Amino acid sequence: MAGRDAAGSVGSGMRVGLGTGSTVAHFLLHLGDRIASGELSDVVGVPTSIRTEEKALELGIPLGTLGGLGALDLTVDGADEVDPRLNLIKGLGGALLREKMVAQASRRMLAIVDDTKLVERLGQRAPLPVEVVPFEFASHLPWLERLGAEPVLRRNGDGSRYLTDNGNFVIDCHFAGGIPDPGAVDESLGRRAGVVESGLFLEMADEVVVAGKTGVYRMTGVASW
């Protein structure tokens, strides 16, 4: 239902960032249906991962690039956590770098979630993904601990090191009780050589579509729950 609702925000002629993840998969299906039926025309998407690119092509959604399209009208993406100020943690699907690049190139960002993703403080339930270059990645672990995190290198089911679409590693940072000051953590991560990007999406979401037991609703601005 949230995916269908978000697809209704796309109009003809729009340039749209296409997020990554299981929730966004429903959005892509409904967007593809609207394009195939002729309800929408001249829509071009920019995918945030290889798997989103493959799915979009399968559904007949035309694709372009940030370099070719310039500013996007809208990005629709999922989130792993949403706080009352609509700040997000993203990246459990491993596409955080490309997701943030596409979101930053958009005039508006719409996040779609279920109500289990709503938290009082970021990091309460989900770890914070941090993408790092493979070179000397272990040197970040004690530094992340000093930030208050319990860092764990992400691995595949077979025990091998997880690689992003960019060929980098991901360190999942668990914060007991949540992240006390997301802005300060984001600033520290941004200054750290070897850290490519973090899953903190602060002051980026303009609106959040939430699916819950009572149906679908939208949040803008400061919320409470």
Protein backbone atom coordinates (compact mmCIF):
# COMPACT_ATOMS: atom_id res chain seq x y z
CA MET A 1 0.00 0.00 0.00
CA ALA A 2 2.83 2.39 0.80
CA GLY A 3 4.51 1.57 -2.52
CA ARG A 4 1.30 2.27 -4.41
CA ASP A 5 0.80 5.53 -2.52
CA ALA A 6 4.36 6.67 -3.28
CA ALA A 7 3.99 5.79 -6.97
CA GLY A 8 1.05 8.20 -7.05
CA SER A 9 3.48 11.04 -6.33
CA VAL A 10 5.15 10.59 -9.72
CA GLY A 11 3.78 12.65 -12.59
CA SER A 12 4.47 12.68 -16.31
CA GLY A 13 7.72 14.33 -17.30
CA MET A 14 9.37 13.76 -13.93
CA ARG A 15 12.96 12.68 -13.32
CA VAL A 16 12.90 10.27 -10.40
CA GLY A 17 15.53 8.71 -8.15
CA LEU A 18 14.79 5.01 -7.68
CA GLY A 19 15.78 3.67 -4.27
CA THR A 20 16.82 0.19 -3.23
CA GLY A 21 15.23 -2.43 -0.99
CA SER A 22 12.20 -4.61 -0.41
CA THR A 23 9.82 -1.70 0.24
CA VAL A 24 10.96 0.17 -2.87
CA ALA A 25 10.36 -2.99 -4.92
CA HIS A 26 6.60 -2.42 -4.47
CA PHE A 27 6.97 1.20 -5.58
CA LEU A 28 8.80 0.08 -8.71
CA LEU A 29 6.05 -2.40 -9.57
CA HIS A 30 3.33 0.24 -9.34
CA LEU A 31 5.44 2.82 -11.19
CA GLY A 32 6.08 0.30 -13.97
CA ASP A 33 2.35 -0.45 -14.19
CA ARG A 34 1.50 3.26 -14.53
CA ILE A 35 4.06 3.67 -17.31
CA ALA A 36 2.97 0.50 -19.14
CA SER A 37 -0.70 1.53 -19.04
CA GLY A 38 0.07 4.92 -20.56
CA GLU A 39 -1.01 6.76 -17.43
CA LEU A 40 2.49 8.24 -17.20
CA SER A 41 4.75 9.42 -20.00
CA ASP A 42 8.25 10.87 -20.32
CA VAL A 43 9.32 9.54 -16.89
CA VAL A 44 13.03 8.76 -16.43
CA GLY A 45 14.55 7.10 -13.38
CA VAL A 46 18.03 7.03 -11.89
CA PRO A 47 18.69 3.73 -10.04
CA THR A 48 20.64 3.60 -6.78
CA SER A 49 21.92 0.04 -7.16
CA ILE A 50 22.58 -2.64 -9.73
CA ARG A 51 19.57 -4.67 -8.57
CA THR A 52 17.28 -1.64 -8.84
CA GLU A 53 18.62 -0.97 -12.33
CA GLU A 54 17.91 -4.56 -13.36
CA LYS A 55 14.39 -4.49 -11.89
CA ALA A 56 13.56 -1.14 -13.48
CA LEU A 57 14.64 -2.37 -16.91
CA GLU A 58 12.56 -5.51 -16.42
CA LEU A 59 9.51 -3.35 -15.62
CA GLY A 60 10.04 -1.04 -18.59
CA ILE A 61 11.02 2.04 -16.57
CA PRO A 62 13.31 4.28 -18.71
CA LEU A 63 16.63 5.04 -17.05
CA GLY A 64 19.11 7.89 -17.17
CA THR A 65 22.08 9.24 -15.20
CA LEU A 66 22.63 12.17 -12.86
CA GLY A 67 25.17 13.56 -15.27
CA GLY A 68 22.71 13.43 -18.14
CA LEU A 69 19.56 14.55 -16.33
CA GLY A 70 20.84 17.11 -13.84
CA ALA A 71 18.55 17.84 -10.88
CA LEU A 72 15.87 15.24 -10.19
CA ASP A 73 12.30 16.11 -9.26
CA LEU A 74 11.86 13.38 -6.67
CA THR A 75 13.64 10.43 -5.06
CA VAL A 76 11.59 7.59 -3.57
CA ASP A 77 13.48 5.28 -1.23
CA GLY A 78 13.03 3.13 1.85
CA ALA A 79 14.56 3.62 5.29
CA ASP A 80 15.70 1.41 8.14
CA GLU A 81 14.77 3.95 10.82
CA VAL A 82 12.90 7.27 10.95
CA ASP A 83 13.07 9.63 13.93
CA PRO A 84 10.44 12.30 14.82
CA ARG A 85 12.29 14.94 12.79
CA LEU A 86 12.23 12.65 9.72
CA ASN A 87 15.96 11.95 9.93
CA LEU A 88 16.81 8.51 8.60
CA ILE A 89 19.18 5.61 8.92
CA LYS A 90 19.59 3.82 5.59
CA GLY A 91 22.00 1.30 4.14
CA LEU A 92 21.09 -2.14 5.47
CA GLY A 93 20.64 -3.02 1.80
CA GLY A 94 24.20 -1.84 1.12
CA ALA A 95 23.37 0.96 -1.34
CA LEU A 96 23.89 3.92 1.03
CA LEU A 97 26.48 5.80 -1.06
CA ARG A 98 24.49 5.76 -4.29
CA GLU A 99 21.25 6.38 -2.42
CA LYS A 100 22.67 9.51 -0.81
CA MET A 101 24.15 10.79 -4.07
CA VAL A 102 20.79 10.44 -5.82
CA ALA A 103 18.85 11.92 -2.89
CA GLN A 104 21.16 14.95 -2.75
CA ALA A 105 20.56 15.53 -6.46
CA SER A 106 16.78 15.64 -5.92
CA ARG A 107 14.47 18.53 -5.17
CA ARG A 108 12.39 16.29 -2.89
CA MET A 109 12.92 12.98 -1.09
CA LEU A 110 10.04 10.69 -0.18
CA ALA A 111 10.75 7.76 2.15
CA ILE A 112 8.43 4.75 2.39
CA VAL A 113 8.43 2.57 5.50
CA ASP A 114 6.23 0.45 7.74
CA ASP A 115 5.52 1.71 11.23
CA THR A 116 8.06 -0.64 12.85
CA LYS A 117 10.76 1.69 11.46
CA LEU A 118 9.63 4.66 13.58
CA VAL A 119 11.99 5.32 16.51
CA GLU A 120 12.48 8.05 19.10
CA ARG A 121 16.24 8.06 18.52
CA LEU A 122 18.24 6.88 15.50
CA GLY A 123 20.19 3.70 16.15
CA GLN A 124 17.73 2.29 18.67
CA ARG A 125 16.93 -0.76 16.55
CA ALA A 126 19.04 -0.67 13.40
CA PRO A 127 22.83 -0.42 13.22
CA LEU A 128 24.39 2.52 11.41
CA PRO A 129 26.06 1.28 8.20
CA VAL A 130 29.39 2.90 7.38
CA GLU A 131 30.93 2.24 3.97
CA VAL A 132 34.74 2.15 3.99
CA VAL A 133 37.44 1.43 1.44
CA PRO A 134 39.03 -2.02 1.89
CA PHE A 135 42.53 -0.60 2.51
CA GLU A 136 43.36 -0.89 6.24
CA PHE A 137 39.64 -1.07 7.07
CA ALA A 138 40.39 -2.63 10.49
CA SER A 139 42.03 0.64 11.59
CA HIS A 140 38.54 2.17 11.77
CA LEU A 141 37.23 -0.30 14.35
CA PRO A 142 38.88 1.18 17.49
CA TRP A 143 38.13 4.69 16.23
CA LEU A 144 34.44 3.81 15.82
CA GLU A 145 34.45 2.35 19.32
CA ARG A 146 35.66 5.70 20.62
CA LEU A 147 32.59 7.25 18.96
CA GLY A 148 30.48 5.00 21.17
CA ALA A 149 29.72 2.28 18.63
CA GLU A 150 30.12 -1.47 18.63
CA PRO A 151 31.43 -1.93 15.05
CA VAL A 152 30.97 -5.20 13.17
CA LEU A 153 32.27 -5.86 9.67
CA ARG A 154 29.36 -6.97 7.48
CA ARG A 155 29.71 -10.44 6.01
CA ASN A 156 27.79 -12.59 3.56
CA GLY A 157 26.03 -15.78 4.60
CA ASP A 158 29.11 -17.82 3.71
CA GLY A 159 31.32 -15.70 5.96
CA SER A 160 33.00 -13.75 3.16
CA ARG A 161 33.28 -9.99 3.41
CA TYR A 162 30.28 -8.15 2.03
CA LEU A 163 31.05 -5.85 -0.91
CA THR A 164 28.95 -2.89 -2.02
CA ASP A 165 28.28 -2.18 -5.70
CA ASN A 166 31.27 0.17 -5.41
CA GLY A 167 33.62 -2.60 -4.22
CA ASN A 168 33.81 -1.31 -0.65
CA PHE A 169 33.24 -2.88 2.77
CA VAL A 170 30.45 -2.00 5.21
CA ILE A 171 30.94 -1.73 8.97
CA ASP A 172 27.66 -1.92 10.87
CA CYS A 173 27.83 0.24 13.99
CA HIS A 174 25.56 -0.67 16.89
CA PHE A 175 24.86 2.04 19.48
CA ALA A 176 23.45 0.88 22.81
CA GLY A 177 20.30 2.93 23.36
CA GLY A 178 20.71 4.80 20.09
CA ILE A 179 22.98 7.55 18.77
CA PRO A 180 23.13 10.43 21.28
CA ASP A 181 24.10 13.11 18.74
CA PRO A 182 23.65 11.98 15.10
CA GLY A 183 24.89 15.32 13.78
CA ALA A 184 28.19 15.08 15.63
CA VAL A 185 28.68 11.45 14.55
CA ASP A 186 27.91 12.38 10.94
CA GLU A 187 30.44 15.22 11.08
CA SER A 188 33.14 12.97 12.54
CA LEU A 189 32.56 10.28 9.93
CA GLY A 190 32.73 12.88 7.16
CA ARG A 191 36.22 13.93 8.29
CA ARG A 192 37.60 10.39 8.57
CA ALA A 193 39.91 9.35 5.70
CA GLY A 194 38.88 5.96 4.35
CA VAL A 195 35.23 6.39 5.29
CA VAL A 196 33.30 6.71 2.04
CA GLU A 197 29.82 7.41 3.42
CA SER A 198 27.49 6.69 6.32
CA GLY A 199 23.84 5.71 6.48
CA LEU A 200 22.84 8.89 8.33
CA PHE A 201 20.41 10.81 6.13
CA LEU A 202 19.88 13.95 8.20
CA GLU A 203 17.44 16.68 7.12
CA MET A 204 17.05 15.03 3.72
CA ALA A 205 13.55 13.48 3.75
CA ASP A 206 10.76 15.92 2.93
CA GLU A 207 7.99 13.41 3.50
CA VAL A 208 7.58 9.86 4.83
CA VAL A 209 4.85 7.44 3.74
CA VAL A 210 4.09 5.04 6.59
CA ALA A 211 2.15 1.78 6.33
CA GLY A 212 0.60 0.54 9.57
CA LYS A 213 -2.25 -1.59 10.85
CA THR A 214 -4.73 1.23 10.29
CA GLY A 215 -3.59 1.95 6.72
CA VAL A 216 -1.20 4.38 5.05
CA TYR A 217 -0.47 7.91 6.17
CA ARG A 218 2.09 10.61 5.38
CA MET A 219 4.33 12.60 7.70
CA THR A 220 5.92 15.98 7.03
CA GLY A 221 7.88 18.16 9.43
CA VAL A 222 8.30 17.23 13.08
CA ALA A 223 6.20 14.23 14.08
CA SER A 224 5.40 12.45 17.33
CA TRP A 225 4.59 8.86 18.20
